[in-house]
N, C-alpha and C. Protein backbone atom coordinates (compact mmCIF):
# COMPACT_ATOMS: atom_id res chain seq x y z
N UNK A 1 12.45 -0.68 -7.13
CA UNK A 1 12.80 0.57 -6.48
C UNK A 1 11.58 1.08 -5.70
N UNK A 2 11.81 1.46 -4.49
CA UNK A 2 10.74 1.98 -3.66
C UNK A 2 10.53 3.46 -3.99
N UNK A 3 9.29 3.79 -4.32
CA UNK A 3 8.94 5.16 -4.72
C UNK A 3 8.39 5.93 -3.52
N UNK A 4 8.59 7.25 -3.49
CA UNK A 4 7.99 8.03 -2.41
C UNK A 4 6.48 8.16 -2.64
N UNK A 5 5.73 8.14 -1.55
CA UNK A 5 4.27 8.24 -1.59
C UNK A 5 3.88 9.67 -1.26
N UNK A 6 2.95 10.22 -2.03
CA UNK A 6 2.48 11.57 -1.74
C UNK A 6 1.40 11.51 -0.68
N UNK A 7 1.36 12.56 0.15
CA UNK A 7 0.41 12.62 1.25
C UNK A 7 -0.79 13.49 0.97
N UNK A 8 -1.75 13.38 1.84
CA UNK A 8 -2.97 14.17 1.78
C UNK A 8 -2.60 15.64 1.53
N UNK A 9 -3.31 16.26 0.61
CA UNK A 9 -3.06 17.66 0.28
C UNK A 9 -2.18 17.83 -0.95
N UNK A 10 -1.53 16.77 -1.40
CA UNK A 10 -0.70 16.86 -2.61
C UNK A 10 -1.62 17.03 -3.82
N UNK A 11 -1.30 17.97 -4.72
CA UNK A 11 -2.21 18.24 -5.85
C UNK A 11 -2.49 17.05 -6.75
N UNK A 12 -1.56 16.12 -6.91
CA UNK A 12 -1.81 14.96 -7.79
C UNK A 12 -2.96 14.10 -7.28
N UNK A 13 -3.17 14.07 -5.96
CA UNK A 13 -4.26 13.27 -5.40
C UNK A 13 -5.63 13.83 -5.76
N UNK A 14 -5.70 15.07 -6.24
CA UNK A 14 -6.99 15.69 -6.59
C UNK A 14 -7.22 15.76 -8.10
N UNK A 15 -6.29 15.24 -8.88
CA UNK A 15 -6.44 15.25 -10.33
C UNK A 15 -7.18 13.98 -10.78
N UNK A 16 -7.97 14.11 -11.84
CA UNK A 16 -8.54 12.93 -12.48
C UNK A 16 -7.45 12.33 -13.35
N UNK A 17 -7.12 11.07 -13.10
CA UNK A 17 -6.03 10.40 -13.81
C UNK A 17 -6.42 10.11 -15.26
N UNK A 18 -5.42 10.08 -16.12
CA UNK A 18 -5.62 9.84 -17.56
C UNK A 18 -5.39 8.37 -17.90
N UNK A 19 -6.16 7.84 -18.86
CA UNK A 19 -5.93 6.46 -19.32
C UNK A 19 -4.54 6.35 -19.95
N UNK A 20 -4.03 5.13 -19.95
CA UNK A 20 -2.74 4.88 -20.60
C UNK A 20 -2.92 3.86 -21.71
N UNK A 21 -1.92 3.79 -22.58
CA UNK A 21 -1.93 2.84 -23.69
C UNK A 21 -0.75 1.87 -23.54
N UNK A 22 -0.73 0.88 -24.41
CA UNK A 22 0.30 -0.16 -24.33
C UNK A 22 1.71 0.37 -24.51
N UNK A 23 1.84 1.55 -25.10
CA UNK A 23 3.18 2.10 -25.31
C UNK A 23 3.63 2.99 -24.16
N UNK A 24 2.94 2.93 -23.01
CA UNK A 24 3.37 3.72 -21.86
C UNK A 24 4.79 3.30 -21.49
N UNK A 25 5.71 4.27 -21.36
CA UNK A 25 7.12 3.91 -21.15
C UNK A 25 7.38 3.18 -19.84
N UNK A 26 8.15 2.12 -19.93
CA UNK A 26 8.63 1.37 -18.77
C UNK A 26 7.51 0.91 -17.84
N UNK A 27 6.40 0.48 -18.42
CA UNK A 27 5.23 0.08 -17.62
C UNK A 27 5.54 -1.09 -16.70
N UNK A 28 6.21 -2.11 -17.19
CA UNK A 28 6.51 -3.29 -16.35
C UNK A 28 7.37 -2.88 -15.15
N UNK A 29 8.33 -2.00 -15.37
CA UNK A 29 9.18 -1.53 -14.28
C UNK A 29 8.35 -0.71 -13.28
N UNK A 30 7.46 0.14 -13.78
CA UNK A 30 6.61 0.93 -12.89
C UNK A 30 5.74 0.02 -12.04
N UNK A 31 5.12 -0.98 -12.65
CA UNK A 31 4.27 -1.91 -11.90
C UNK A 31 5.09 -2.61 -10.82
N UNK A 32 6.26 -3.10 -11.16
CA UNK A 32 7.12 -3.77 -10.18
C UNK A 32 7.48 -2.82 -9.04
N UNK A 33 7.79 -1.57 -9.37
CA UNK A 33 8.13 -0.59 -8.35
C UNK A 33 6.93 -0.27 -7.46
N UNK A 34 5.76 -0.23 -8.04
CA UNK A 34 4.55 0.04 -7.24
C UNK A 34 4.27 -1.10 -6.27
N UNK A 35 4.41 -2.34 -6.72
CA UNK A 35 4.25 -3.47 -5.80
C UNK A 35 5.28 -3.40 -4.68
N UNK A 36 6.53 -3.15 -5.03
CA UNK A 36 7.59 -3.07 -4.01
C UNK A 36 7.29 -1.95 -3.01
N UNK A 37 6.85 -0.81 -3.51
CA UNK A 37 6.52 0.34 -2.65
C UNK A 37 5.36 0.00 -1.73
N UNK A 38 4.31 -0.61 -2.29
CA UNK A 38 3.12 -0.97 -1.51
C UNK A 38 3.49 -1.96 -0.40
N UNK A 39 4.22 -3.01 -0.73
CA UNK A 39 4.58 -4.01 0.28
C UNK A 39 5.51 -3.41 1.34
N UNK A 40 6.43 -2.55 0.92
CA UNK A 40 7.33 -1.91 1.87
C UNK A 40 6.56 -1.09 2.91
N UNK A 41 5.43 -0.53 2.50
CA UNK A 41 4.61 0.29 3.40
C UNK A 41 3.50 -0.52 4.07
N UNK A 42 3.50 -1.84 3.88
CA UNK A 42 2.48 -2.73 4.44
C UNK A 42 1.08 -2.39 3.95
N UNK A 43 0.97 -1.99 2.69
CA UNK A 43 -0.32 -1.70 2.08
C UNK A 43 -0.87 -2.89 1.34
N UNK A 44 -2.15 -2.79 0.96
CA UNK A 44 -2.78 -3.82 0.13
C UNK A 44 -3.17 -3.26 -1.24
N UNK A 45 -3.08 -1.95 -1.41
CA UNK A 45 -3.38 -1.32 -2.68
C UNK A 45 -2.58 -0.04 -2.82
N UNK A 46 -2.25 0.31 -4.06
CA UNK A 46 -1.52 1.54 -4.32
C UNK A 46 -1.88 2.02 -5.72
N UNK A 47 -2.37 3.25 -5.79
CA UNK A 47 -2.74 3.84 -7.08
C UNK A 47 -1.60 4.74 -7.57
N UNK A 48 -1.46 4.83 -8.88
CA UNK A 48 -0.39 5.65 -9.47
C UNK A 48 -0.41 7.10 -8.97
N UNK A 49 -1.56 7.75 -8.78
CA UNK A 49 -1.52 9.11 -8.23
C UNK A 49 -0.83 9.19 -6.87
N UNK A 50 -0.82 8.10 -6.11
CA UNK A 50 -0.16 8.11 -4.81
C UNK A 50 1.36 8.15 -4.93
N UNK A 51 1.89 7.84 -6.12
CA UNK A 51 3.33 7.97 -6.37
C UNK A 51 3.55 9.10 -7.39
N UNK A 52 2.61 10.06 -7.39
CA UNK A 52 2.70 11.30 -8.17
C UNK A 52 2.62 11.09 -9.68
N UNK A 53 1.88 10.06 -10.10
CA UNK A 53 1.67 9.82 -11.52
C UNK A 53 0.15 9.84 -11.79
N UNK A 54 -0.36 10.85 -12.48
CA UNK A 54 -1.80 10.94 -12.71
C UNK A 54 -2.28 10.07 -13.87
N UNK A 55 -2.07 8.76 -13.71
CA UNK A 55 -2.49 7.79 -14.74
C UNK A 55 -3.42 6.76 -14.10
N UNK A 56 -4.24 6.10 -14.95
CA UNK A 56 -5.25 5.16 -14.47
C UNK A 56 -4.64 3.77 -14.32
N UNK A 57 -3.96 3.59 -13.20
CA UNK A 57 -3.26 2.34 -12.89
C UNK A 57 -3.23 2.18 -11.39
N UNK A 58 -3.52 0.95 -10.92
CA UNK A 58 -3.28 0.64 -9.51
C UNK A 58 -2.91 -0.81 -9.38
N UNK A 59 -2.28 -1.13 -8.25
CA UNK A 59 -1.91 -2.51 -7.94
C UNK A 59 -2.56 -2.90 -6.62
N UNK A 60 -2.84 -4.19 -6.49
CA UNK A 60 -3.44 -4.75 -5.28
C UNK A 60 -2.70 -6.04 -4.98
N UNK A 61 -2.37 -6.27 -3.72
CA UNK A 61 -1.72 -7.51 -3.33
C UNK A 61 -2.09 -7.90 -1.91
N UNK A 62 -2.37 -9.18 -1.73
CA UNK A 62 -2.75 -9.70 -0.42
C UNK A 62 -1.69 -10.68 0.05
N UNK A 63 -1.19 -10.45 1.27
CA UNK A 63 -0.19 -11.33 1.87
C UNK A 63 -0.69 -11.77 3.23
N UNK A 64 -0.52 -13.04 3.57
CA UNK A 64 -0.91 -13.50 4.91
C UNK A 64 0.01 -12.89 5.96
N UNK A 65 -0.58 -12.55 7.10
CA UNK A 65 0.18 -11.96 8.20
C UNK A 65 0.25 -12.96 9.35
N UNK A 66 1.44 -13.20 9.87
CA UNK A 66 1.65 -14.11 10.99
C UNK A 66 1.84 -13.28 12.26
N UNK A 67 0.83 -13.29 13.13
CA UNK A 67 0.89 -12.48 14.36
C UNK A 67 1.97 -12.96 15.32
N UNK A 68 2.29 -14.24 15.28
CA UNK A 68 3.32 -14.77 16.18
C UNK A 68 4.70 -14.22 15.85
N UNK A 69 5.00 -14.14 14.55
CA UNK A 69 6.33 -13.67 14.15
C UNK A 69 6.31 -12.21 13.70
N UNK A 70 5.11 -11.62 13.61
CA UNK A 70 4.98 -10.22 13.18
C UNK A 70 5.54 -10.01 11.78
N UNK A 71 5.31 -10.98 10.90
CA UNK A 71 5.83 -10.90 9.54
C UNK A 71 4.74 -11.24 8.53
N UNK A 72 4.98 -10.81 7.30
CA UNK A 72 4.09 -11.13 6.19
C UNK A 72 4.67 -12.28 5.37
N UNK A 73 3.79 -13.11 4.84
CA UNK A 73 4.21 -14.17 3.93
C UNK A 73 4.23 -13.68 2.50
N UNK A 74 4.45 -14.60 1.58
CA UNK A 74 4.44 -14.26 0.16
C UNK A 74 3.02 -13.93 -0.28
N UNK A 75 2.88 -13.06 -1.29
CA UNK A 75 1.55 -12.70 -1.77
C UNK A 75 0.76 -13.93 -2.23
N UNK A 76 -0.52 -13.95 -1.87
CA UNK A 76 -1.40 -15.03 -2.31
C UNK A 76 -2.21 -14.61 -3.53
N UNK A 77 -2.43 -13.31 -3.67
CA UNK A 77 -3.14 -12.77 -4.83
C UNK A 77 -2.53 -11.42 -5.17
N UNK A 78 -2.34 -11.17 -6.46
CA UNK A 78 -1.87 -9.87 -6.92
C UNK A 78 -2.64 -9.48 -8.17
N UNK A 79 -2.94 -8.20 -8.26
CA UNK A 79 -3.66 -7.67 -9.41
C UNK A 79 -3.00 -6.38 -9.87
N UNK A 80 -2.80 -6.27 -11.17
CA UNK A 80 -2.43 -5.01 -11.79
C UNK A 80 -3.65 -4.56 -12.57
N UNK A 81 -4.14 -3.37 -12.28
CA UNK A 81 -5.39 -2.89 -12.86
C UNK A 81 -5.10 -1.61 -13.64
N UNK A 82 -5.31 -1.68 -14.95
CA UNK A 82 -5.05 -0.56 -15.84
C UNK A 82 -6.37 -0.12 -16.46
N UNK A 83 -6.59 1.18 -16.48
CA UNK A 83 -7.78 1.79 -17.08
C UNK A 83 -9.08 1.15 -16.60
N UNK A 84 -9.28 1.04 -15.29
CA UNK A 84 -10.49 0.39 -14.79
C UNK A 84 -11.74 1.22 -15.05
N UNK A 85 -12.82 0.49 -15.20
CA UNK A 85 -14.14 1.11 -15.38
C UNK A 85 -15.13 0.29 -14.56
N UNK A 86 -15.81 0.94 -13.64
CA UNK A 86 -16.85 0.25 -12.89
C UNK A 86 -18.10 0.25 -13.75
N UNK A 87 -18.59 -0.95 -14.06
CA UNK A 87 -19.77 -1.12 -14.91
C UNK A 87 -21.04 -1.02 -14.07
N UNK A 88 -21.02 -1.67 -12.90
CA UNK A 88 -22.20 -1.64 -12.02
C UNK A 88 -21.78 -2.03 -10.61
N UNK A 89 -22.65 -1.67 -9.67
CA UNK A 89 -22.45 -2.03 -8.27
C UNK A 89 -23.54 -3.00 -7.85
N UNK A 90 -23.19 -3.90 -6.92
CA UNK A 90 -24.20 -4.74 -6.30
C UNK A 90 -25.05 -3.90 -5.36
N UNK A 91 -26.17 -4.44 -4.95
CA UNK A 91 -27.09 -3.69 -4.10
C UNK A 91 -26.66 -3.65 -2.65
N UNK A 92 -26.00 -4.70 -2.17
CA UNK A 92 -25.61 -4.76 -0.75
C UNK A 92 -24.40 -3.86 -0.48
N UNK A 93 -24.47 -3.15 0.65
CA UNK A 93 -23.36 -2.31 1.08
C UNK A 93 -22.96 -2.73 2.49
N UNK A 94 -21.70 -2.41 2.83
CA UNK A 94 -21.21 -2.75 4.15
C UNK A 94 -20.18 -1.71 4.57
N UNK A 95 -20.04 -1.56 5.88
CA UNK A 95 -19.03 -0.67 6.45
C UNK A 95 -17.72 -1.43 6.58
N UNK A 96 -16.61 -0.74 6.41
CA UNK A 96 -15.30 -1.34 6.57
C UNK A 96 -14.35 -0.24 7.03
N UNK A 97 -13.48 -0.57 7.95
CA UNK A 97 -12.53 0.40 8.47
C UNK A 97 -11.38 0.54 7.49
N UNK A 98 -11.31 1.67 6.80
CA UNK A 98 -10.30 1.90 5.77
C UNK A 98 -9.18 2.80 6.27
N UNK A 99 -8.03 2.58 5.70
CA UNK A 99 -6.89 3.45 5.89
C UNK A 99 -6.29 3.72 4.52
N UNK A 100 -5.25 4.52 4.47
CA UNK A 100 -4.65 4.88 3.19
C UNK A 100 -3.19 5.28 3.42
N UNK A 101 -2.31 4.83 2.54
CA UNK A 101 -0.90 5.18 2.67
C UNK A 101 -0.67 6.67 2.49
N UNK A 102 -1.56 7.37 1.78
CA UNK A 102 -1.45 8.82 1.60
C UNK A 102 -2.08 9.60 2.75
N UNK A 103 -2.77 8.90 3.63
CA UNK A 103 -3.42 9.51 4.79
C UNK A 103 -3.00 8.69 6.01
N UNK A 104 -1.71 8.73 6.36
CA UNK A 104 -1.20 7.83 7.39
C UNK A 104 -1.85 8.02 8.76
N UNK A 105 -2.00 6.90 9.45
CA UNK A 105 -2.47 6.87 10.85
C UNK A 105 -3.90 7.35 11.04
N UNK A 106 -4.68 7.38 9.97
CA UNK A 106 -6.10 7.68 10.09
C UNK A 106 -6.86 6.51 9.50
N UNK A 107 -7.74 5.94 10.29
CA UNK A 107 -8.58 4.82 9.86
C UNK A 107 -10.02 5.16 10.23
N UNK A 108 -10.92 5.03 9.27
CA UNK A 108 -12.32 5.38 9.49
C UNK A 108 -13.22 4.39 8.76
N UNK A 109 -14.42 4.21 9.30
CA UNK A 109 -15.40 3.34 8.67
C UNK A 109 -16.00 4.03 7.44
N UNK A 110 -16.02 3.29 6.33
CA UNK A 110 -16.55 3.80 5.06
C UNK A 110 -17.56 2.78 4.54
N UNK A 111 -18.70 3.28 4.09
CA UNK A 111 -19.75 2.43 3.52
C UNK A 111 -19.55 2.32 2.02
N UNK A 112 -19.44 1.08 1.53
CA UNK A 112 -19.26 0.84 0.08
C UNK A 112 -20.03 -0.42 -0.31
N UNK A 113 -20.36 -0.54 -1.61
CA UNK A 113 -20.95 -1.78 -2.11
C UNK A 113 -19.99 -2.96 -1.90
N UNK A 114 -20.55 -4.14 -1.62
CA UNK A 114 -19.71 -5.31 -1.37
C UNK A 114 -19.31 -6.04 -2.65
N UNK A 115 -20.02 -5.75 -3.75
CA UNK A 115 -19.66 -6.35 -5.04
C UNK A 115 -19.74 -5.27 -6.12
N UNK A 116 -19.00 -5.51 -7.18
CA UNK A 116 -19.08 -4.62 -8.34
C UNK A 116 -18.64 -5.38 -9.57
N UNK A 117 -19.08 -4.90 -10.71
CA UNK A 117 -18.61 -5.43 -11.99
C UNK A 117 -17.64 -4.40 -12.54
N UNK A 118 -16.44 -4.87 -12.89
CA UNK A 118 -15.38 -3.95 -13.32
C UNK A 118 -14.73 -4.48 -14.59
N UNK A 119 -14.39 -3.54 -15.48
CA UNK A 119 -13.60 -3.85 -16.69
C UNK A 119 -12.23 -3.21 -16.50
N UNK A 120 -11.19 -3.92 -16.91
CA UNK A 120 -9.84 -3.38 -16.84
C UNK A 120 -8.91 -4.23 -17.68
N UNK A 121 -7.70 -3.73 -17.89
CA UNK A 121 -6.64 -4.51 -18.51
C UNK A 121 -5.59 -4.79 -17.44
N UNK A 122 -4.93 -5.92 -17.59
CA UNK A 122 -3.82 -6.23 -16.68
C UNK A 122 -2.51 -5.79 -17.32
N UNK A 123 -1.40 -6.12 -16.68
CA UNK A 123 -0.10 -5.66 -17.17
C UNK A 123 0.28 -6.25 -18.52
N UNK A 124 -0.39 -7.32 -18.93
CA UNK A 124 -0.16 -7.91 -20.26
C UNK A 124 -1.20 -7.44 -21.27
N UNK A 125 -2.01 -6.47 -20.89
CA UNK A 125 -3.06 -5.86 -21.69
C UNK A 125 -4.19 -6.84 -22.02
N UNK A 126 -4.30 -7.88 -21.20
CA UNK A 126 -5.44 -8.79 -21.32
C UNK A 126 -6.65 -8.09 -20.71
N UNK A 127 -7.77 -8.14 -21.42
CA UNK A 127 -9.01 -7.50 -20.98
C UNK A 127 -9.71 -8.37 -19.95
N UNK A 128 -10.21 -7.76 -18.88
CA UNK A 128 -11.00 -8.44 -17.86
C UNK A 128 -12.35 -7.73 -17.75
N UNK A 129 -13.39 -8.49 -17.57
CA UNK A 129 -14.74 -7.97 -17.30
C UNK A 129 -15.33 -8.94 -16.30
N UNK A 130 -15.25 -8.59 -15.00
CA UNK A 130 -15.58 -9.55 -13.96
C UNK A 130 -16.38 -8.91 -12.85
N UNK A 131 -17.18 -9.74 -12.18
CA UNK A 131 -17.78 -9.32 -10.93
C UNK A 131 -16.77 -9.66 -9.84
N UNK A 132 -16.45 -8.67 -9.03
CA UNK A 132 -15.50 -8.89 -7.95
C UNK A 132 -16.17 -8.63 -6.61
N UNK A 133 -15.69 -9.35 -5.60
CA UNK A 133 -16.29 -9.27 -4.28
C UNK A 133 -15.19 -9.21 -3.23
N UNK A 134 -15.61 -9.14 -1.98
CA UNK A 134 -14.68 -9.23 -0.86
C UNK A 134 -13.69 -8.09 -0.81
N UNK A 135 -12.52 -8.40 -0.30
CA UNK A 135 -11.51 -7.37 -0.10
C UNK A 135 -11.04 -6.76 -1.42
N UNK A 136 -10.98 -7.55 -2.48
CA UNK A 136 -10.58 -6.99 -3.78
C UNK A 136 -11.58 -5.92 -4.22
N UNK A 137 -12.87 -6.15 -4.03
CA UNK A 137 -13.88 -5.15 -4.40
C UNK A 137 -13.71 -3.89 -3.57
N UNK A 138 -13.46 -4.04 -2.29
CA UNK A 138 -13.27 -2.90 -1.39
C UNK A 138 -12.05 -2.09 -1.81
N UNK A 139 -10.93 -2.77 -2.00
CA UNK A 139 -9.68 -2.09 -2.35
C UNK A 139 -9.80 -1.44 -3.73
N UNK A 140 -10.42 -2.13 -4.68
CA UNK A 140 -10.58 -1.56 -6.03
C UNK A 140 -11.35 -0.25 -5.98
N UNK A 141 -12.43 -0.20 -5.20
CA UNK A 141 -13.21 1.04 -5.10
C UNK A 141 -12.37 2.16 -4.47
N UNK A 142 -11.60 1.83 -3.45
CA UNK A 142 -10.73 2.81 -2.80
C UNK A 142 -9.70 3.36 -3.80
N UNK A 143 -9.08 2.47 -4.57
CA UNK A 143 -8.05 2.89 -5.51
C UNK A 143 -8.65 3.65 -6.70
N UNK A 144 -9.82 3.24 -7.16
CA UNK A 144 -10.47 3.99 -8.25
C UNK A 144 -10.84 5.39 -7.77
N UNK A 145 -11.20 5.54 -6.51
CA UNK A 145 -11.40 6.89 -5.97
C UNK A 145 -10.14 7.73 -6.20
N UNK A 146 -8.96 7.16 -5.93
CA UNK A 146 -7.71 7.89 -6.16
C UNK A 146 -7.58 8.29 -7.64
N UNK A 147 -7.96 7.40 -8.54
CA UNK A 147 -7.85 7.71 -9.97
C UNK A 147 -8.83 8.82 -10.36
N UNK A 148 -9.89 8.98 -9.57
CA UNK A 148 -10.90 10.02 -9.83
C UNK A 148 -10.67 11.28 -9.00
N UNK A 149 -9.51 11.40 -8.36
CA UNK A 149 -9.17 12.60 -7.60
C UNK A 149 -9.80 12.68 -6.22
N UNK A 150 -10.11 11.52 -5.64
CA UNK A 150 -10.74 11.49 -4.31
C UNK A 150 -9.88 10.68 -3.35
N UNK A 151 -10.04 10.98 -2.06
CA UNK A 151 -9.45 10.17 -1.00
C UNK A 151 -10.57 9.69 -0.10
N UNK A 152 -10.32 8.65 0.68
CA UNK A 152 -11.40 8.04 1.45
C UNK A 152 -12.04 8.99 2.45
N UNK A 153 -11.30 10.00 2.90
CA UNK A 153 -11.89 10.95 3.85
C UNK A 153 -13.00 11.77 3.20
N UNK A 154 -13.02 11.85 1.88
CA UNK A 154 -14.12 12.55 1.19
C UNK A 154 -15.45 11.83 1.40
N UNK A 155 -15.39 10.56 1.75
CA UNK A 155 -16.61 9.77 1.95
C UNK A 155 -17.12 9.81 3.39
N UNK A 156 -16.44 10.57 4.24
CA UNK A 156 -16.86 10.69 5.64
C UNK A 156 -17.85 11.85 5.78
N UNK A 157 -18.58 11.85 6.86
CA UNK A 157 -19.50 12.95 7.12
C UNK A 157 -18.71 14.24 7.33
N UNK A 158 -19.35 15.37 7.11
CA UNK A 158 -18.65 16.65 7.30
C UNK A 158 -18.24 16.81 8.76
N UNK A 159 -19.05 16.30 9.68
CA UNK A 159 -18.68 16.38 11.10
C UNK A 159 -17.39 15.59 11.36
N UNK A 160 -17.32 14.38 10.81
CA UNK A 160 -16.13 13.54 11.03
C UNK A 160 -14.89 14.19 10.41
N UNK A 161 -15.04 14.76 9.20
CA UNK A 161 -13.90 15.43 8.56
C UNK A 161 -13.45 16.63 9.40
N UNK A 162 -14.40 17.34 9.98
CA UNK A 162 -14.05 18.47 10.85
C UNK A 162 -13.26 17.98 12.05
N UNK A 163 -13.67 16.84 12.61
CA UNK A 163 -12.96 16.28 13.76
C UNK A 163 -11.54 15.85 13.40
N UNK A 164 -11.32 15.49 12.14
CA UNK A 164 -10.00 15.04 11.68
C UNK A 164 -9.16 16.18 11.10
N UNK A 165 -9.70 17.37 11.05
CA UNK A 165 -9.06 18.48 10.34
C UNK A 165 -7.62 18.73 10.80
N UNK A 166 -7.37 18.75 12.08
CA UNK A 166 -6.02 19.01 12.58
C UNK A 166 -5.05 17.92 12.12
N UNK A 167 -5.47 16.66 12.22
CA UNK A 167 -4.60 15.56 11.79
C UNK A 167 -4.35 15.59 10.29
N UNK A 168 -5.39 15.92 9.51
CA UNK A 168 -5.22 16.02 8.06
C UNK A 168 -4.29 17.18 7.71
N UNK A 169 -4.40 18.28 8.45
CA UNK A 169 -3.53 19.42 8.24
C UNK A 169 -2.07 19.04 8.54
N UNK A 170 -1.85 18.26 9.58
CA UNK A 170 -0.49 17.80 9.91
C UNK A 170 0.10 16.98 8.77
N UNK A 171 -0.72 16.11 8.16
CA UNK A 171 -0.25 15.31 7.02
C UNK A 171 0.10 16.24 5.87
N UNK A 172 -0.78 17.18 5.59
CA UNK A 172 -0.57 18.11 4.49
C UNK A 172 0.71 18.92 4.66
N UNK A 173 1.02 19.27 5.89
CA UNK A 173 2.22 20.07 6.17
C UNK A 173 3.47 19.21 6.40
N UNK A 174 3.32 17.89 6.31
CA UNK A 174 4.48 17.00 6.49
C UNK A 174 4.89 16.81 7.93
N UNK A 175 4.00 17.10 8.87
CA UNK A 175 4.32 16.95 10.29
C UNK A 175 3.88 15.56 10.78
N UNK A 176 4.38 14.55 10.10
CA UNK A 176 4.06 13.17 10.44
C UNK A 176 5.31 12.33 10.27
N UNK A 177 5.29 11.16 10.89
CA UNK A 177 6.38 10.21 10.69
C UNK A 177 5.77 8.91 10.23
N UNK A 178 6.36 8.35 9.19
CA UNK A 178 5.92 7.06 8.67
C UNK A 178 7.14 6.17 8.53
N UNK A 179 6.89 4.87 8.45
CA UNK A 179 8.02 3.95 8.25
C UNK A 179 8.42 3.89 6.78
N UNK A 180 7.64 4.56 5.92
CA UNK A 180 7.94 4.60 4.49
C UNK A 180 8.20 6.05 4.08
N UNK A 181 8.86 6.19 2.94
CA UNK A 181 9.25 7.52 2.46
C UNK A 181 8.05 8.23 1.84
N UNK A 182 7.85 9.48 2.23
CA UNK A 182 6.79 10.30 1.66
C UNK A 182 7.40 11.49 0.94
N UNK A 183 6.78 11.86 -0.17
CA UNK A 183 7.22 13.00 -0.95
C UNK A 183 6.58 14.25 -0.39
N UNK A 184 7.35 15.31 -0.18
CA UNK A 184 6.76 16.54 0.35
C UNK A 184 5.72 17.12 -0.60
N UNK A 185 4.69 17.73 -0.03
CA UNK A 185 3.67 18.40 -0.84
C UNK A 185 4.28 19.63 -1.50
N UNK A 186 3.82 19.90 -2.72
CA UNK A 186 4.28 21.10 -3.44
C UNK A 186 3.65 22.32 -2.77
N UNK A 187 4.38 23.35 -2.67
CA UNK A 187 3.86 24.59 -2.06
C UNK A 187 3.57 25.60 -3.13
């Protein structure tokens, strides 16, 4: 089932998400719905707060894109990340142009570490403690920001945020169109 995504300004995006336990109700169904929602919106990551659930869970999936046919292939990598904890960051940082399903049509360069060591459980509650790199490291940091009540625009300079203020206000007020369903912000 495709879930509605909350947009910039929604109160759930500013809450610190709570850890979950193995008895979280219908977890497998929620994970499947989050993957379906993420792929439907052409995303590579989706955190539970983005579907209005303040819990420490996110999904990541990478699919090859064929420019000739304008279509995506089957996922080559998928991760379900529950209760993540960043243990350490690598020293090297790099800029990357980020976007967010909760902040549609805004893409900005964000500086982040290129590697990190992270602990988490997967959907089968298997424990992971790994150094991750590349796009998975980038997406994991972006999604953990969501679990900590942050969005990527918080990492921009105050000048850049000021320049984006009108567009962010439009998102907050629901004056945007997306190809995916968005949940209206609570007033």
